[in-house]
Amino acid sequence: MEIYNLMPHACDVFHEDGRKTTLESKGELRLKSDIQKTLTPIAGLPVVEPQWFQSLDETSKGYAFFMDKKSLGKSVAFVVSAVTAQWLAGHDVADYRLLAPATGPLHAVRDATGRILGCKALEMYR
């Protein structure tokens, strides 16, 4: 199976045996979002409505690559952000696998300052 990383950066997956697999970026698959309405600040902090997404952003660097490769069906998997994977799983009917880095407390790999370095697993959305 071919796995394509469509996030704008490499994705490092740390195995239990100490190995690390780096999935290099093939371009970014982004979502096109609605305009977020600015709300009244709370305690001097800016507040906006939650972000809602309309569709895939056809101008994103990974869009054409994704559209071309997804026709390969179950023989390919795409690594995207969790937000993109959730949106695609609810809006797209293609028969391919969606993966996202598992960055919850059990699977995130962090440095001493708490910055995420990678993950111990990928989440499958389809």
Protein backbone atom coordinates (compact mmCIF):
# COMPACT_ATOMS: atom_id res chain seq x y z
CA MET A 1 0.00 0.00 0.00
CA GLU A 2 1.17 3.49 -0.81
CA ILE A 3 0.87 6.15 1.92
CA TYR A 4 0.94 9.80 0.94
CA ASN A 5 1.39 12.59 3.47
CA LEU A 6 -0.72 15.58 2.43
CA MET A 7 0.15 17.78 5.41
CA PRO A 8 2.50 20.74 4.82
CA HIS A 9 5.24 19.12 6.93
CA ALA A 10 6.79 15.70 7.47
CA CYS A 11 5.05 13.29 9.82
CA ASP A 12 7.28 11.23 12.14
CA VAL A 13 5.89 7.95 13.45
CA PHE A 14 7.84 6.44 16.37
CA HIS A 15 7.69 2.64 16.61
CA GLU A 16 7.77 0.70 19.90
CA ASP A 17 11.16 -0.80 18.99
CA GLY A 18 12.73 2.68 18.71
CA ARG A 19 12.61 3.00 14.92
CA LYS A 20 11.20 6.15 13.36
CA THR A 21 9.39 6.36 10.03
CA THR A 22 9.25 9.79 8.42
CA LEU A 23 6.47 10.41 5.94
CA GLU A 24 7.63 13.32 3.80
CA SER A 25 5.07 15.86 2.63
CA LYS A 26 3.68 15.51 -0.90
CA GLY A 27 1.84 18.84 -0.62
CA GLU A 28 -0.90 20.23 1.59
CA LEU A 29 -4.55 19.25 1.27
CA ARG A 30 -6.49 22.15 2.82
CA LEU A 31 -10.14 22.81 3.46
CA LYS A 32 -11.92 25.93 2.26
CA SER A 33 -13.53 27.60 5.23
CA ASP A 34 -16.42 29.97 5.72
CA ILE A 35 -15.69 33.41 7.07
CA GLN A 36 -15.45 33.34 10.85
CA LYS A 37 -17.53 36.00 12.56
CA THR A 38 -15.74 38.01 15.22
CA LEU A 39 -17.65 38.03 18.49
CA THR A 40 -17.50 40.30 21.52
CA PRO A 41 -14.20 39.95 23.38
CA ILE A 42 -14.28 38.16 26.73
CA ALA A 43 -12.04 39.58 29.46
CA GLY A 44 -10.17 41.47 26.75
CA LEU A 45 -9.46 38.31 24.72
CA PRO A 46 -10.54 38.05 21.06
CA VAL A 47 -13.34 35.53 20.39
CA VAL A 48 -14.58 34.15 17.05
CA GLU A 49 -17.24 31.67 15.99
CA PRO A 50 -16.12 28.06 15.43
CA GLN A 51 -14.65 27.48 12.00
CA TRP A 52 -16.87 25.66 9.48
CA PHE A 53 -15.59 24.20 6.24
CA GLN A 54 -17.26 24.29 2.80
CA SER A 55 -15.12 22.02 0.63
CA LEU A 56 -11.60 21.09 -0.31
CA ASP A 57 -9.47 24.02 -1.36
CA GLU A 58 -8.72 23.35 -5.03
CA THR A 59 -5.84 25.84 -4.90
CA SER A 60 -3.94 23.95 -2.19
CA LYS A 61 -0.65 22.41 -3.30
CA GLY A 62 -1.77 18.81 -2.66
CA TYR A 63 -5.27 19.02 -4.19
CA ALA A 64 -4.41 17.81 -7.73
CA PHE A 65 -2.17 15.07 -6.31
CA PHE A 66 -5.00 13.90 -4.02
CA MET A 67 -7.61 13.91 -6.79
CA ASP A 68 -5.29 11.93 -9.07
CA LYS A 69 -4.23 9.32 -6.49
CA LYS A 70 -7.58 8.75 -4.74
CA SER A 71 -8.80 6.88 -7.82
CA LEU A 72 -6.44 4.10 -6.74
CA GLY A 73 -8.97 3.19 -4.04
CA LYS A 74 -7.99 0.92 -1.17
CA SER A 75 -4.41 0.57 -2.44
CA VAL A 76 -3.60 4.08 -1.15
CA ALA A 77 -3.87 5.92 2.14
CA PHE A 78 -3.60 9.65 2.75
CA VAL A 79 -2.20 11.23 5.90
CA VAL A 80 -3.95 14.53 6.55
CA SER A 81 -4.75 16.63 9.60
CA ALA A 82 -7.43 15.27 11.92
CA VAL A 83 -9.76 18.14 10.94
CA THR A 84 -9.34 17.37 7.23
CA ALA A 85 -9.80 13.62 7.84
CA GLN A 86 -13.00 14.22 9.81
CA TRP A 87 -14.39 16.50 7.11
CA LEU A 88 -13.50 14.10 4.27
CA ALA A 89 -14.95 11.11 6.14
CA GLY A 90 -18.26 12.95 6.37
CA HIS A 91 -18.35 14.43 2.87
CA ASP A 92 -16.55 12.18 0.42
CA VAL A 93 -17.62 8.78 -0.89
CA ALA A 94 -14.33 7.62 -2.41
CA ASP A 95 -13.03 4.23 -1.28
CA TYR A 96 -9.58 5.06 0.11
CA ARG A 97 -8.07 5.17 3.59
CA LEU A 98 -7.70 8.37 5.60
CA LEU A 99 -5.08 8.60 8.32
CA ALA A 100 -4.16 11.36 10.73
CA PRO A 101 -1.43 11.59 13.36
CA ALA A 102 -2.70 10.38 16.74
CA THR A 103 -1.67 13.28 18.97
CA GLY A 104 -3.68 12.55 22.10
CA PRO A 105 -1.97 11.84 25.43
CA LEU A 106 -1.35 8.15 24.67
CA HIS A 107 0.25 8.60 21.25
CA ALA A 108 1.91 12.01 21.00
CA VAL A 109 5.71 12.06 21.24
CA ARG A 110 6.85 15.33 22.84
CA ASP A 111 10.15 16.98 23.67
CA ALA A 112 11.05 18.31 27.12
CA THR A 113 9.15 21.56 26.48
CA GLY A 114 5.95 19.78 25.39
CA ARG A 115 6.33 20.41 21.65
CA ILE A 116 5.00 17.53 19.55
CA LEU A 117 7.78 15.73 17.68
CA GLY A 118 5.60 13.03 16.15
CA CYS A 119 3.24 10.24 17.08
CA LYS A 120 3.27 6.57 18.04
CA ALA A 121 0.33 5.71 15.76
CA LEU A 122 -1.92 7.01 13.00
CA GLU A 123 -5.69 7.26 13.45
CA MET A 124 -7.78 5.69 10.66
CA TYR A 125 -10.94 7.52 9.62
CA ARG A 126 -12.06 5.12 6.89
